[in-house]
Amino acid sequence: MGARQRQRGAETEREVCKVISESTGWQTSRILGQARDGGADVRLAQFLIEVKRRKSIAVYEWLEQCQRACKPTDKPVVIARGDHKGFVVIQPLEDWLEMAKRELPER
């Protein structure tokens, strides 16, 4: 991985930390050294978060399809599974933050 890619990844991780902190009131920060150690990028209480940034990934198409089918009161969720892999859940960050705030311990 080149220096620019590492810098872009770190910028995205900081951006996610800022959004989470502003939304939940919990101070979060990047887990330094995690790339070398093979760990996740951010910890928020019991949530361990891996942050990814790519030019294009198909999950946006899937999420947009789901969003078009939603009523105004619905929450879009995509559940996907790769071959020989477990299921993953994909949803807008705002929806996940609302759920996470209910799950976080009292401060």
C-alpha atoms as a PDB file:
ATOM      1  CA  MET A   1       0.000   0.000   0.000  1.00  0.00           C
ATOM      2  CA  GLY A   2       1.374   3.393  -0.970  1.00  0.00           C
ATOM      3  CA  ALA A   3       1.725   6.445   1.244  1.00  0.00           C
ATOM      4  CA  ARG A   4      -1.245   8.203  -0.401  1.00  0.00           C
ATOM      5  CA  GLN A   5      -3.486   5.188   0.181  1.00  0.00           C
ATOM      6  CA  ARG A   6      -2.474   5.043   3.855  1.00  0.00           C
ATOM      7  CA  GLN A   7      -3.101   8.783   4.201  1.00  0.00           C
ATOM      8  CA  ARG A   8      -6.524   8.476   2.548  1.00  0.00           C
ATOM      9  CA  GLY A   9      -7.427   5.576   4.865  1.00  0.00           C
ATOM     10  CA  ALA A  10      -6.350   7.525   7.958  1.00  0.00           C
ATOM     11  CA  GLU A  11      -8.373  10.568   6.824  1.00  0.00           C
ATOM     12  CA  THR A  12     -11.469   8.406   6.390  1.00  0.00           C
ATOM     13  CA  GLU A  13     -10.987   6.807   9.814  1.00  0.00           C
ATOM     14  CA  ARG A  14     -10.719  10.262  11.424  1.00  0.00           C
ATOM     15  CA  GLU A  15     -13.844  11.380   9.556  1.00  0.00           C
ATOM     16  CA  VAL A  16     -15.798   8.365  10.867  1.00  0.00           C
ATOM     17  CA  CYS A  17     -14.540   9.022  14.416  1.00  0.00           C
ATOM     18  CA  LYS A  18     -15.712  12.630  14.202  1.00  0.00           C
ATOM     19  CA  VAL A  19     -19.198  11.643  12.964  1.00  0.00           C
ATOM     20  CA  ILE A  20     -19.556   9.010  15.688  1.00  0.00           C
ATOM     21  CA  SER A  21     -18.342  11.365  18.437  1.00  0.00           C
ATOM     22  CA  GLU A  22     -20.627  14.196  17.319  1.00  0.00           C
ATOM     23  CA  SER A  23     -23.631  11.894  17.051  1.00  0.00           C
ATOM     24  CA  THR A  24     -23.194   9.809  20.229  1.00  0.00           C
ATOM     25  CA  GLY A  25     -21.207  12.063  22.554  1.00  0.00           C
ATOM     26  CA  TRP A  26     -18.623   9.276  22.935  1.00  0.00           C
ATOM     27  CA  GLN A  27     -15.069  10.285  22.099  1.00  0.00           C
ATOM     28  CA  THR A  28     -13.589   7.866  19.590  1.00  0.00           C
ATOM     29  CA  SER A  29     -10.241   7.744  17.880  1.00  0.00           C
ATOM     30  CA  ARG A  30      -8.315   5.563  15.501  1.00  0.00           C
ATOM     31  CA  ILE A  31      -6.630   2.468  16.878  1.00  0.00           C
ATOM     32  CA  LEU A  32      -3.025   3.186  15.984  1.00  0.00           C
ATOM     33  CA  GLY A  33      -0.883   0.295  14.771  1.00  0.00           C
ATOM     34  CA  GLN A  34      -3.927  -1.770  13.863  1.00  0.00           C
ATOM     35  CA  ALA A  35      -2.903  -2.155  10.202  1.00  0.00           C
ATOM     36  CA  ARG A  36       0.340  -3.783  11.246  1.00  0.00           C
ATOM     37  CA  ASP A  37      -1.421  -5.935  13.839  1.00  0.00           C
ATOM     38  CA  GLY A  38      -4.364  -6.883  11.603  1.00  0.00           C
ATOM     39  CA  GLY A  39      -7.006  -5.361  13.878  1.00  0.00           C
ATOM     40  CA  ALA A  40      -9.992  -3.082  13.373  1.00  0.00           C
ATOM     41  CA  ASP A  41      -9.809   0.697  12.952  1.00  0.00           C
ATOM     42  CA  VAL A  42     -12.044   2.205  15.659  1.00  0.00           C
ATOM     43  CA  ARG A  43     -13.509   1.060  18.986  1.00  0.00           C
ATOM     44  CA  LEU A  44     -16.762   2.487  20.332  1.00  0.00           C
ATOM     45  CA  ALA A  45     -17.507   0.771  23.660  1.00  0.00           C
ATOM     46  CA  GLN A  46     -18.433  -2.797  22.652  1.00  0.00           C
ATOM     47  CA  PHE A  47     -18.427  -2.001  18.907  1.00  0.00           C
ATOM     48  CA  LEU A  48     -15.249  -2.771  16.964  1.00  0.00           C
ATOM     49  CA  ILE A  49     -15.406  -0.962  13.619  1.00  0.00           C
ATOM     50  CA  GLU A  50     -13.492  -1.623  10.420  1.00  0.00           C
ATOM     51  CA  VAL A  51     -13.525   1.408   8.101  1.00  0.00           C
ATOM     52  CA  LYS A  52     -13.225   0.879   4.347  1.00  0.00           C
ATOM     53  CA  ARG A  53     -13.038   3.394   1.532  1.00  0.00           C
ATOM     54  CA  ARG A  54     -13.042   2.315  -2.088  1.00  0.00           C
ATOM     55  CA  LYS A  55     -13.680   4.081  -5.356  1.00  0.00           C
ATOM     56  CA  SER A  56     -16.622   1.850  -6.191  1.00  0.00           C
ATOM     57  CA  ILE A  57     -18.326  -1.065  -4.464  1.00  0.00           C
ATOM     58  CA  ALA A  58     -21.600  -2.727  -5.434  1.00  0.00           C
ATOM     59  CA  VAL A  59     -23.226  -2.347  -2.014  1.00  0.00           C
ATOM     60  CA  TYR A  60     -24.237   1.208  -2.915  1.00  0.00           C
ATOM     61  CA  GLU A  61     -26.292  -0.130  -5.813  1.00  0.00           C
ATOM     62  CA  TRP A  62     -27.931  -2.672  -3.513  1.00  0.00           C
ATOM     63  CA  LEU A  63     -28.636  -0.055  -0.842  1.00  0.00           C
ATOM     64  CA  GLU A  64     -30.087   2.376  -3.405  1.00  0.00           C
ATOM     65  CA  GLN A  65     -32.377  -0.391  -4.710  1.00  0.00           C
ATOM     66  CA  CYS A  66     -33.569  -1.037  -1.162  1.00  0.00           C
ATOM     67  CA  GLN A  67     -34.019   2.710  -0.481  1.00  0.00           C
ATOM     68  CA  ARG A  68     -36.180   3.115  -3.594  1.00  0.00           C
ATOM     69  CA  ALA A  69     -38.493   0.398  -2.279  1.00  0.00           C
ATOM     70  CA  CYS A  70     -38.741   1.937   1.205  1.00  0.00           C
ATOM     71  CA  LYS A  71     -41.694   3.874   2.545  1.00  0.00           C
ATOM     72  CA  PRO A  72     -40.773   7.097   4.412  1.00  0.00           C
ATOM     73  CA  THR A  73     -40.911   5.269   7.755  1.00  0.00           C
ATOM     74  CA  ASP A  74     -38.810   2.286   6.586  1.00  0.00           C
ATOM     75  CA  LYS A  75     -35.122   1.749   7.336  1.00  0.00           C
ATOM     76  CA  PRO A  76     -33.141   0.261   4.433  1.00  0.00           C
ATOM     77  CA  VAL A  77     -30.936  -2.726   5.244  1.00  0.00           C
ATOM     78  CA  VAL A  78     -28.930  -4.931   2.886  1.00  0.00           C
ATOM     79  CA  ILE A  79     -27.837  -8.383   4.028  1.00  0.00           C
ATOM     80  CA  ALA A  80     -25.171  -9.930   1.806  1.00  0.00           C
ATOM     81  CA  ARG A  81     -22.970 -12.993   1.807  1.00  0.00           C
ATOM     82  CA  GLY A  82     -19.953 -13.827  -0.299  1.00  0.00           C
ATOM     83  CA  ASP A  83     -19.199 -17.371  -1.342  1.00  0.00           C
ATOM     84  CA  HIS A  84     -17.940 -19.346   1.658  1.00  0.00           C
ATOM     85  CA  LYS A  85     -18.377 -16.302   3.924  1.00  0.00           C
ATOM     86  CA  GLY A  86     -20.847 -15.263   6.613  1.00  0.00           C
ATOM     87  CA  PHE A  87     -23.624 -12.729   6.190  1.00  0.00           C
ATOM     88  CA  VAL A  88     -22.925  -9.013   6.665  1.00  0.00           C
ATOM     89  CA  VAL A  89     -25.362  -6.167   7.235  1.00  0.00           C
ATOM     90  CA  ILE A  90     -25.099  -2.922   5.283  1.00  0.00           C
ATOM     91  CA  GLN A  91     -27.118   0.139   6.239  1.00  0.00           C
ATOM     92  CA  PRO A  92     -26.803   3.930   6.222  1.00  0.00           C
ATOM     93  CA  LEU A  93     -24.490   5.212   8.970  1.00  0.00           C
ATOM     94  CA  GLU A  94     -27.247   7.416  10.422  1.00  0.00           C
ATOM     95  CA  ASP A  95     -29.485   4.381  10.990  1.00  0.00           C
ATOM     96  CA  TRP A  96     -26.657   2.415  12.592  1.00  0.00           C
ATOM     97  CA  LEU A  97     -25.787   5.350  14.872  1.00  0.00           C
ATOM     98  CA  GLU A  98     -29.377   5.493  16.134  1.00  0.00           C
ATOM     99  CA  MET A  99     -29.213   1.786  16.999  1.00  0.00           C
ATOM    100  CA  ALA A 100     -25.732   2.094  18.518  1.00  0.00           C
ATOM    101  CA  LYS A 101     -26.822   4.955  20.799  1.00  0.00           C
ATOM    102  CA  ARG A 102     -29.479   2.668  22.319  1.00  0.00           C
ATOM    103  CA  GLU A 103     -26.877  -0.059  22.888  1.00  0.00           C
ATOM    104  CA  LEU A 104     -24.071   2.061  24.341  1.00  0.00           C
ATOM    105  CA  PRO A 105     -23.602   1.968  28.114  1.00  0.00           C
ATOM    106  CA  GLU A 106     -24.700   5.025  30.074  1.00  0.00           C
ATOM    107  CA  ARG A 107     -22.052   7.712  30.397  1.00  0.00           C
END
